[in-house]
Amino acid sequence: MAIVLGCIADDYTGASDLANTLKKAGLRTVQTIGVPAADYRLPDVDAVVLSLKSRSIDPAKAVALSLEAYAWLKGQGASHILFKICSTFDSTDRGNIGPVMDALLDKTGDDCIIVTPAFPETKRTVYMGNLFVGHVPLNESPLKDHPLNPMHDSNLVRVLQRQSKNQIGLIDLATITKGASAIKARMKEMGRDGVRAVIVDTVFDADLAPIGEVAADTHLSVGASGLGLGLAQAFVKRGRGGASGAALANLPASAAACLAGSCSQATLGQVAAAEKIMPVFRLDPADLMERRAAYLDEIVAWATERLPQGPVLVASTATPDRVRALQGRFGQAEIGHAIEQAMADLAERLVEKGVRRLVVAGGETSGAVVDRLGVPGFVVGPEIAAGVPVLGASGYRHDMLIALKSGNFGGPDFFADALKLMA
């Protein structure tokens, strides 16, 4: 049977978040890493979340990757494509959200589509087009200090308009509360006026159902896992959805390790909490830049000595001031790439040492780690925290359990919670 929902995710942790949401909502879901090879055999599922690492790369490359993903998903019969973005709309004025959306719109030909990163359950809401993180506007939240995509404007209509060649509009909360028919009528009216994409206010969990119902009648939508939930509810209501997928592997006792490459406030707190229960090596980016090979050897030796006694954590976290100082010294792109690749190297070497339970914090870090390990896909398992499931490696040379966490997700004891579910 053809899939009903095809999803193009712009990073791996966001893809895991979405796959987890779709599964809980009743869609049989598989997450793949990259565009699957020609010989990949898709199981009997309702939705596929195709994971790219395209959020912070050159916009032209992001467009090319996304169009390749689109072609594969349409080849599997997907009736609707969701371009899955971060719930904090991570992007610069060059993109990549706008350019990818424009390219996909050119393919689908929709008159007007829905865009919303909101997910009220995770305290991401949109009101009068402005994105709120908890109780504060996006530009006043810690995301203003994001090392790759600092967000200095909370008004998503303005943000997306700076990125897109298409006209962007807004459907306000008053219309949303009137239900799907009102939303659809307003979209049709705006489409006649040349608006191709609308930011939709999304304040309450209940707003997602009518938004998803309207989106499901188009060929394309853009949003975070909240929109995925609305779409899944709409498709289940229409008779799609099945039993849960394959169970995770029952691993024998094996070593466990955690890698943290995020500088978010949430991850900083989680690393501090983890120090109470496991050894933590705080990676110094300056040492990494100046003596990479020897420094990584030291970290692997440190971890290898301690793994027989229990889990270990390697963290490259730093405060925003420290990050800015390091970027000024070594270059923003250079230091970010060095940390990602260092974490990927460590993951590969720790797996060689017998680690089969791996927890990774940070979207870019997760992408680098999974790419290096070469895991082709995942079975979605139990939820650790909102938006973060345990993943079972599928088609990989080792049975492994992995968790991929966006920097801002999870509670203070996330690392302990993850390892407990993996036990």
Protein backbone atom coordinates (compact mmCIF):
# COMPACT_ATOMS: atom_id res chain seq x y z
CA MET A 1 0.00 0.00 0.00
CA ALA A 2 1.26 3.50 -0.83
CA ILE A 3 2.20 5.73 2.06
CA VAL A 4 -0.16 8.59 2.85
CA LEU A 5 2.32 10.99 4.44
CA GLY A 6 5.88 11.69 3.36
CA CYS A 7 8.02 13.93 5.55
CA ILE A 8 11.24 15.75 4.70
CA ALA A 9 12.99 16.68 7.94
CA ASP A 10 15.82 19.22 7.92
CA ASP A 11 17.72 17.55 10.77
CA TYR A 12 17.89 14.17 12.47
CA THR A 13 16.63 15.05 15.94
CA GLY A 14 13.64 16.85 14.46
CA ALA A 15 12.97 13.78 12.35
CA SER A 16 12.98 11.57 15.47
CA ASP A 17 10.63 14.00 17.20
CA LEU A 18 8.23 13.86 14.25
CA ALA A 19 8.41 10.07 13.84
CA ASN A 20 7.63 9.71 17.53
CA THR A 21 4.63 12.05 17.19
CA LEU A 22 3.22 10.27 14.14
CA LYS A 23 3.56 6.85 15.77
CA LYS A 24 1.77 7.99 18.93
CA ALA A 25 -1.02 9.47 16.79
CA GLY A 26 -1.66 6.13 15.07
CA LEU A 27 0.40 6.15 11.86
CA ARG A 28 2.80 3.29 11.30
CA THR A 29 6.05 5.17 10.79
CA VAL A 30 9.63 4.54 9.70
CA GLN A 31 12.47 7.05 9.93
CA THR A 32 15.22 6.77 7.34
CA ILE A 33 18.58 8.50 7.26
CA GLY A 34 18.99 10.36 4.01
CA VAL A 35 17.30 9.34 0.79
CA PRO A 36 17.13 5.53 0.84
CA ALA A 37 19.17 3.48 -1.61
CA ALA A 38 17.48 1.99 -4.65
CA ASP A 39 17.36 -1.46 -3.03
CA TYR A 40 15.75 -0.25 0.20
CA ARG A 41 12.58 -2.22 0.93
CA LEU A 42 9.98 -0.09 2.62
CA PRO A 43 7.86 -2.02 5.14
CA ASP A 44 4.07 -1.71 5.24
CA VAL A 45 3.75 1.72 6.85
CA ASP A 46 1.58 4.80 6.60
CA ALA A 47 4.27 7.46 6.92
CA VAL A 48 7.96 7.85 6.22
CA VAL A 49 10.12 10.51 7.86
CA LEU A 50 13.12 11.07 5.64
CA SER A 51 15.95 12.66 7.66
CA LEU A 52 18.24 15.19 6.02
CA LYS A 53 21.00 17.31 7.51
CA SER A 54 20.02 20.42 5.57
CA ARG A 55 19.07 23.06 8.15
CA SER A 56 22.32 25.01 8.18
CA ILE A 57 24.00 24.15 4.89
CA ASP A 58 24.13 26.28 1.73
CA PRO A 59 20.54 27.01 0.60
CA ALA A 60 21.12 25.68 -2.92
CA LYS A 61 22.37 22.37 -1.51
CA ALA A 62 19.42 22.19 0.88
CA VAL A 63 17.03 22.69 -2.04
CA ALA A 64 18.72 19.98 -4.11
CA LEU A 65 18.63 17.46 -1.24
CA SER A 66 15.00 18.26 -0.48
CA LEU A 67 13.93 17.84 -4.09
CA GLU A 68 15.66 14.46 -4.21
CA ALA A 69 13.78 13.48 -1.05
CA TYR A 70 10.52 14.77 -2.54
CA ALA A 71 10.97 12.65 -5.68
CA TRP A 72 11.60 9.51 -3.60
CA LEU A 73 8.58 10.09 -1.38
CA LYS A 74 6.29 10.76 -4.34
CA GLY A 75 7.62 7.53 -5.85
CA GLN A 76 6.29 5.75 -2.75
CA GLY A 77 2.84 7.22 -3.39
CA ALA A 78 2.81 9.93 -0.70
CA SER A 79 -0.32 12.05 -1.13
CA HIS A 80 0.96 14.81 1.17
CA ILE A 81 4.47 16.10 1.84
CA LEU A 82 5.34 17.77 5.14
CA PHE A 83 8.55 19.80 5.13
CA LYS A 84 9.48 19.38 8.78
CA ILE A 85 11.32 22.33 10.33
CA CYS A 86 12.42 23.20 13.85
CA SER A 87 9.80 24.43 16.30
CA THR A 88 11.95 27.53 16.78
CA PHE A 89 12.07 28.23 13.02
CA ASP A 90 15.87 27.96 12.98
CA SER A 91 17.06 29.75 9.84
CA THR A 92 18.83 32.86 8.63
CA ASP A 93 17.54 35.53 6.26
CA ARG A 94 19.02 33.45 3.40
CA GLY A 95 17.08 30.35 4.41
CA ASN A 96 16.88 27.50 4.41
CA ILE A 97 13.15 27.30 5.13
CA GLY A 98 12.02 29.76 2.46
CA PRO A 99 14.10 28.46 -0.47
CA VAL A 100 13.15 24.82 0.21
CA MET A 101 9.47 25.73 0.60
CA ASP A 102 9.55 27.67 -2.67
CA ALA A 103 11.14 24.74 -4.54
CA LEU A 104 8.58 22.28 -3.17
CA LEU A 105 5.73 24.67 -3.98
CA ASP A 106 6.94 24.81 -7.57
CA LYS A 107 6.64 21.01 -7.65
CA THR A 108 3.22 20.66 -6.01
CA GLY A 109 1.57 23.72 -7.54
CA ASP A 110 -0.59 24.39 -4.47
CA ASP A 111 -2.33 27.76 -4.51
CA CYS A 112 -1.78 28.36 -0.79
CA ILE A 113 -0.23 26.22 1.97
CA ILE A 114 -0.05 26.20 5.76
CA VAL A 115 3.13 27.04 7.68
CA THR A 116 3.43 26.73 11.47
CA PRO A 117 6.29 25.63 13.73
CA ALA A 118 3.98 25.64 16.75
CA PHE A 119 3.65 22.69 19.13
CA PRO A 120 1.82 23.89 22.26
CA GLU A 121 2.67 20.70 24.18
CA THR A 122 6.35 21.72 24.01
CA LYS A 123 5.55 25.39 24.75
CA ARG A 124 6.01 26.59 21.17
CA THR A 125 3.07 28.78 20.19
CA VAL A 126 2.28 31.36 17.49
CA TYR A 127 0.06 34.39 18.13
CA MET A 128 -0.49 37.20 15.60
CA GLY A 129 2.29 35.61 13.61
CA ASN A 130 4.81 35.86 16.45
CA LEU A 131 6.55 32.73 17.72
CA PHE A 132 6.76 32.32 21.50
CA VAL A 133 9.11 30.00 23.37
CA GLY A 134 7.33 29.47 26.64
CA HIS A 135 6.16 32.91 27.75
CA VAL A 136 8.67 35.00 25.80
CA PRO A 137 8.95 35.97 22.12
CA LEU A 138 11.51 34.01 20.11
CA ASN A 139 13.90 36.96 19.90
CA GLU A 140 13.98 37.25 23.70
CA SER A 141 14.52 33.53 24.29
CA PRO A 142 17.89 31.74 24.48
CA LEU A 143 17.55 31.15 20.71
CA LYS A 144 18.77 34.70 20.18
CA ASP A 145 22.23 33.28 21.02
CA HIS A 146 22.05 30.19 18.78
CA PRO A 147 25.61 29.65 17.43
CA LEU A 148 24.47 28.88 13.85
CA ASN A 149 21.02 30.42 13.44
CA PRO A 150 20.54 33.22 15.99
CA MET A 151 16.87 34.28 15.94
CA HIS A 152 16.41 38.03 16.31
CA ASP A 153 12.86 38.43 14.98
CA SER A 154 9.81 36.65 16.42
CA ASN A 155 7.45 37.70 13.59
CA LEU A 156 7.38 34.69 11.29
CA VAL A 157 5.60 36.50 8.48
CA ARG A 158 8.56 38.88 8.25
CA VAL A 159 11.13 36.11 8.77
CA LEU A 160 9.70 33.90 6.03
CA GLN A 161 9.04 36.79 3.65
CA ARG A 162 12.75 37.70 3.76
CA GLN A 163 13.58 34.16 2.67
CA SER A 164 10.85 33.44 0.12
CA LYS A 165 10.10 34.64 -3.40
CA ASN A 166 6.40 34.01 -2.68
CA GLN A 167 3.97 36.26 -0.85
CA ILE A 168 3.46 35.28 2.79
CA GLY A 169 0.29 35.95 4.79
CA LEU A 170 -1.21 35.38 8.23
CA ILE A 171 -4.35 33.62 9.45
CA ASP A 172 -5.05 34.83 12.96
CA LEU A 173 -6.34 33.00 16.00
CA ALA A 174 -9.87 34.37 15.59
CA THR A 175 -10.17 32.49 12.30
CA ILE A 176 -8.48 29.35 13.65
CA THR A 177 -11.01 29.07 16.48
CA LYS A 178 -13.85 29.00 13.95
CA GLY A 179 -12.62 25.67 12.61
CA ALA A 180 -11.48 24.03 9.40
CA SER A 181 -14.13 25.53 7.12
CA ALA A 182 -13.21 29.07 8.14
CA ILE A 183 -9.50 28.38 7.73
CA LYS A 184 -10.03 26.86 4.30
CA ALA A 185 -12.22 29.77 3.17
CA ARG A 186 -9.66 32.33 4.32
CA MET A 187 -6.84 30.45 2.58
CA LYS A 188 -8.82 30.37 -0.65
CA GLU A 189 -9.44 34.11 -0.41
CA MET A 190 -5.79 34.85 0.28
CA GLY A 191 -4.70 32.53 -2.51
CA ARG A 192 -6.75 34.56 -4.99
CA ASP A 193 -4.81 37.62 -3.79
CA GLY A 194 -1.50 35.92 -4.59
CA VAL A 195 -0.55 34.65 -1.13
CA ARG A 196 1.14 31.25 -1.51
CA ALA A 197 1.92 30.44 2.14
CA VAL A 198 0.22 31.45 5.39
CA ILE A 199 1.59 31.50 8.91
CA VAL A 200 -1.29 30.22 11.05
CA ASP A 201 -1.71 31.22 14.67
CA THR A 202 -1.51 28.14 16.92
CA VAL A 203 -1.92 28.71 20.64
CA PHE A 204 -3.76 25.68 22.03
CA ASP A 205 -3.40 21.93 21.48
CA ALA A 206 -6.94 21.93 20.08
CA ASP A 207 -5.88 24.29 17.28
CA LEU A 208 -3.81 21.54 15.66
CA ALA A 209 -6.79 19.38 14.62
CA PRO A 210 -8.50 21.89 12.28
CA ILE A 211 -5.15 23.10 10.98
CA GLY A 212 -4.13 19.51 10.17
CA GLU A 213 -7.49 18.81 8.55
CA VAL A 214 -7.05 21.74 6.17
CA ALA A 215 -3.39 20.93 5.48
CA ALA A 216 -4.27 17.33 4.61
CA ASP A 217 -6.32 18.59 1.66
CA THR A 218 -3.25 20.21 0.10
CA HIS A 219 -0.15 18.54 -1.30
CA LEU A 220 2.38 20.38 0.87
CA SER A 221 2.73 21.92 4.30
CA VAL A 222 5.61 23.33 6.34
CA GLY A 223 5.89 22.97 10.08
CA ALA A 224 7.15 21.21 13.16
CA SER A 225 5.84 18.11 14.91
CA GLY A 226 2.70 19.90 16.06
CA LEU A 227 1.57 20.18 12.45
CA GLY A 228 2.59 16.54 12.00
CA LEU A 229 0.24 15.65 14.85
CA GLY A 230 -2.63 17.54 13.21
CA LEU A 231 -1.98 15.82 9.89
CA ALA A 232 -1.77 12.38 11.52
CA GLN A 233 -5.09 12.96 13.30
CA ALA A 234 -6.68 13.96 10.00
CA PHE A 235 -5.41 10.90 8.14
CA VAL A 236 -6.36 8.49 10.95
CA LYS A 237 -9.84 10.05 10.94
CA ARG A 238 -9.97 9.26 7.22
CA GLY A 239 -9.17 5.60 7.77
CA ARG A 240 -5.39 5.47 7.55
CA GLY A 241 -3.23 4.10 10.35
CA GLY A 242 -2.41 0.68 11.64
CA ALA A 243 -0.76 -1.30 14.41
CA SER A 244 2.55 -0.32 15.92
CA GLY A 245 5.67 -1.23 14.00
CA ALA A 246 8.38 -3.73 14.84
CA ALA A 247 9.60 -3.99 18.42
CA LEU A 248 13.05 -2.79 19.43
CA ALA A 249 15.86 -5.27 19.79
CA ASN A 250 16.24 -6.82 23.25
CA LEU A 251 19.88 -5.98 23.84
CA PRO A 252 22.08 -7.91 26.25
CA ALA A 253 23.98 -5.93 28.85
CA SER A 254 26.28 -3.53 27.02
CA ALA A 255 28.21 -0.30 27.46
CA ALA A 256 26.43 3.06 27.29
CA ALA A 257 27.73 6.52 26.42
CA CYS A 258 26.33 10.02 26.02
CA LEU A 259 27.60 12.79 23.73
CA ALA A 260 26.47 16.41 24.08
CA GLY A 261 27.32 18.97 21.41
CA SER A 262 24.58 21.49 22.14
CA CYS A 263 25.11 24.83 23.87
CA SER A 264 21.45 25.36 24.71
CA GLN A 265 20.51 26.28 28.27
CA ALA A 266 18.51 23.06 28.55
CA THR A 267 21.49 20.89 27.63
CA LEU A 268 23.82 22.85 29.92
CA GLY A 269 21.49 22.03 32.81
CA GLN A 270 21.18 18.39 31.76
CA VAL A 271 24.96 17.98 31.66
CA ALA A 272 25.23 19.51 35.14
CA ALA A 273 22.62 17.05 36.43
CA ALA A 274 24.39 14.11 34.76
CA GLU A 275 27.63 14.91 36.61
CA LYS A 276 25.93 13.66 39.79
CA ILE A 277 25.46 10.15 38.39
CA MET A 278 28.19 9.52 35.80
CA PRO A 279 31.71 10.64 34.86
CA VAL A 280 31.65 13.70 32.57
CA PHE A 281 34.47 14.85 30.31
CA ARG A 282 34.02 18.51 29.36
CA LEU A 283 35.60 18.88 25.94
CA ASP A 284 37.58 22.10 25.50
CA PRO A 285 37.05 23.41 21.94
CA ALA A 286 40.35 25.31 22.05
CA ASP A 287 42.26 22.10 22.81
CA LEU A 288 40.30 20.35 20.06
CA MET A 289 41.26 22.99 17.50
CA GLU A 290 44.93 23.06 18.51
CA ARG A 291 45.73 19.35 18.97
CA ARG A 292 42.81 17.39 17.62
CA ALA A 293 44.19 13.87 17.15
CA ALA A 294 46.01 13.65 20.48
CA TYR A 295 43.09 15.24 22.32
CA LEU A 296 40.57 12.75 20.92
CA ASP A 297 42.90 9.88 21.86
CA GLU A 298 42.88 11.20 25.45
CA ILE A 299 39.07 11.33 25.52
CA VAL A 300 38.72 7.80 24.15
CA ALA A 301 41.23 6.51 26.71
CA TRP A 302 39.35 8.31 29.49
CA ALA A 303 36.03 6.79 28.37
CA THR A 304 37.43 3.28 27.80
CA GLU A 305 38.79 3.17 31.35
CA ARG A 306 35.38 4.06 32.82
CA LEU A 307 32.88 2.26 30.55
CA PRO A 308 33.11 -1.09 32.42
CA GLN A 309 31.78 0.68 35.53
CA GLY A 310 28.85 2.41 33.82
CA PRO A 311 27.80 5.16 31.41
CA VAL A 312 30.01 8.13 30.57
CA LEU A 313 29.26 11.55 29.09
CA VAL A 314 31.43 13.70 26.82
CA ALA A 315 30.13 17.27 26.56
CA SER A 316 31.33 20.16 24.40
CA THR A 317 28.84 22.57 25.94
CA ALA A 318 29.82 26.17 26.67
CA THR A 319 28.07 29.36 27.72
CA PRO A 320 26.97 31.81 24.98
CA ASP A 321 29.82 34.21 25.91
CA ARG A 322 32.38 31.41 25.69
CA VAL A 323 30.93 30.30 22.33
CA ARG A 324 31.20 33.82 20.92
CA ALA A 325 34.80 34.13 22.09
CA LEU A 326 35.76 30.82 20.49
CA GLN A 327 33.99 31.73 17.26
CA GLY A 328 35.90 35.01 17.17
CA ARG A 329 39.17 33.15 17.61
CA PHE A 330 38.67 30.18 15.30
CA GLY A 331 35.70 31.11 13.08
CA GLN A 332 32.01 30.24 13.49
CA ALA A 333 31.77 27.58 10.78
CA GLU A 334 35.18 26.13 11.58
CA ILE A 335 34.61 25.53 15.27
CA GLY A 336 31.07 24.21 14.75
CA HIS A 337 32.28 21.72 12.15
CA ALA A 338 35.21 20.66 14.32
CA ILE A 339 32.98 19.88 17.30
CA GLU A 340 30.46 17.95 15.18
CA GLN A 341 33.17 15.83 13.57
CA ALA A 342 34.88 15.26 16.90
CA MET A 343 31.65 13.88 18.33
CA ALA A 344 31.21 11.72 15.24
CA ASP A 345 34.77 10.38 15.64
CA LEU A 346 34.14 9.64 19.32
CA ALA A 347 30.88 7.85 18.55
CA GLU A 348 32.55 5.66 15.94
CA ARG A 349 35.42 4.77 18.23
CA LEU A 350 33.19 4.12 21.23
CA VAL A 351 30.99 1.77 19.18
CA GLU A 352 34.20 -0.08 18.27
CA LYS A 353 34.82 -0.36 22.02
CA GLY A 354 31.46 -2.07 22.51
CA VAL A 355 29.04 0.81 23.18
CA ARG A 356 25.55 -0.26 22.05
CA ARG A 357 23.45 2.36 23.88
CA LEU A 358 24.16 5.87 22.70
CA VAL A 359 22.50 9.15 23.70
CA VAL A 360 23.30 12.22 21.57
CA ALA A 361 22.29 15.80 22.39
CA GLY A 362 22.24 18.52 19.71
CA GLY A 363 20.71 18.52 16.25
CA GLU A 364 23.90 19.09 14.25
CA THR A 365 25.83 16.72 16.52
CA SER A 366 23.20 14.00 16.06
CA GLY A 367 23.38 14.37 12.30
CA ALA A 368 27.15 14.07 12.25
CA VAL A 369 27.09 11.02 14.56
CA VAL A 370 24.44 9.09 12.62
CA ASP A 371 26.12 9.88 9.31
CA ARG A 372 29.46 8.62 10.60
CA LEU A 373 27.98 5.42 12.00
CA GLY A 374 26.11 4.78 8.75
CA VAL A 375 22.80 3.76 10.33
CA PRO A 376 20.31 3.55 7.42
CA GLY A 377 17.09 3.77 9.44
CA PHE A 378 15.33 3.41 12.76
CA VAL A 379 12.39 1.70 14.40
CA VAL A 380 10.64 4.13 16.74
CA GLY A 381 10.45 3.00 20.36
CA PRO A 382 9.20 4.41 23.69
CA GLU A 383 9.25 8.12 24.41
CA ILE A 384 11.95 9.47 26.73
CA ALA A 385 10.65 13.05 26.79
CA ALA A 386 8.25 15.01 24.63
CA GLY A 387 9.56 14.68 21.09
CA VAL A 388 12.44 12.31 21.91
CA PRO A 389 11.98 8.53 21.45
CA VAL A 390 14.32 5.63 21.89
CA LEU A 391 15.34 4.49 18.40
CA GLY A 392 16.34 0.98 17.41
CA ALA A 393 18.93 0.85 14.63
CA SER A 394 17.49 -0.91 11.57
CA GLY A 395 19.64 -2.54 8.90
CA TYR A 396 22.83 -1.75 10.84
CA ARG A 397 25.74 -4.07 11.54
CA HIS A 398 25.08 -3.94 15.30
CA ASP A 399 21.89 -4.08 17.34
CA MET A 400 21.88 -0.65 18.96
CA LEU A 401 19.60 1.69 20.85
CA ILE A 402 20.08 5.39 20.15
CA ALA A 403 18.45 8.60 21.33
CA LEU A 404 18.81 11.81 19.31
CA LYS A 405 17.85 14.96 21.21
CA SER A 406 17.47 18.50 19.98
CA GLY A 407 19.36 20.83 22.29
CA ASN A 408 16.28 22.43 23.85
CA PHE A 409 14.32 19.21 24.49
CA GLY A 410 14.03 17.11 27.61
CA GLY A 411 13.91 17.71 31.35
CA PRO A 412 16.82 18.25 33.75
CA ASP A 413 17.40 14.48 34.18
CA PHE A 414 17.20 13.67 30.47
CA PHE A 415 20.39 11.60 30.27
CA ALA A 416 19.38 9.45 33.26
CA ASP A 417 15.85 9.05 31.86
CA ALA A 418 17.18 7.98 28.47
CA LEU A 419 19.58 5.41 29.87
CA LYS A 420 16.87 3.98 32.13
CA LEU A 421 14.58 3.33 29.13
CA MET A 422 17.47 1.75 27.24
CA ALA A 423 18.34 -0.65 30.07
